[in-house]
Amino acid sequence: EVQVVESGGDVVQAGGSLRLSCAVFGSSLDDYAIGWFRQVPGKEREGISCIKRGNGVIWYRDSVKGRFNISSANKNLVYLQMNNLKPEDTADYYCAAGPTRPGTSWMKSRLFFDYWGQGTQVIVSS
């Protein structure tokens, strides 16, 4: 059984920063990828960043490149540092874990992730 718990969501002004944390617990996560997704009401949940636990390969959605940074602090903890936040970054943010696959094109799809956290809300005010 794998458990995923996010934290760190808050209300922040545009241009500010937040760091989200994702704690992942379970058996043999060495071959897993940890992804961050976000969702606003009425829209699909979209992948924004992902890190492969085994080789450290990282992927970012274009809209967050240069502003967001994903990192793995240790075996069980992944961070998403979000800088220069914009009102359009307002969403519920979710962390998810899934088995690693070749390449990075799959990382933006929720279909490839099996275990999900409950979400944490980020509100960016203008």
Foldseek 3Di string as FASTA:
>chain_A
DKAKAKDWADEEAAQAKTKMKIFMDDPDQQQKKKWKWWDDPPDDIWTAKMAGNNPGDIDGDPVQPPFWDWDAPDPTMIMIIGGRDDQVVWTWMKMFMAGDDPDCPCRTDPVRTDYIHPTHTHGYHD
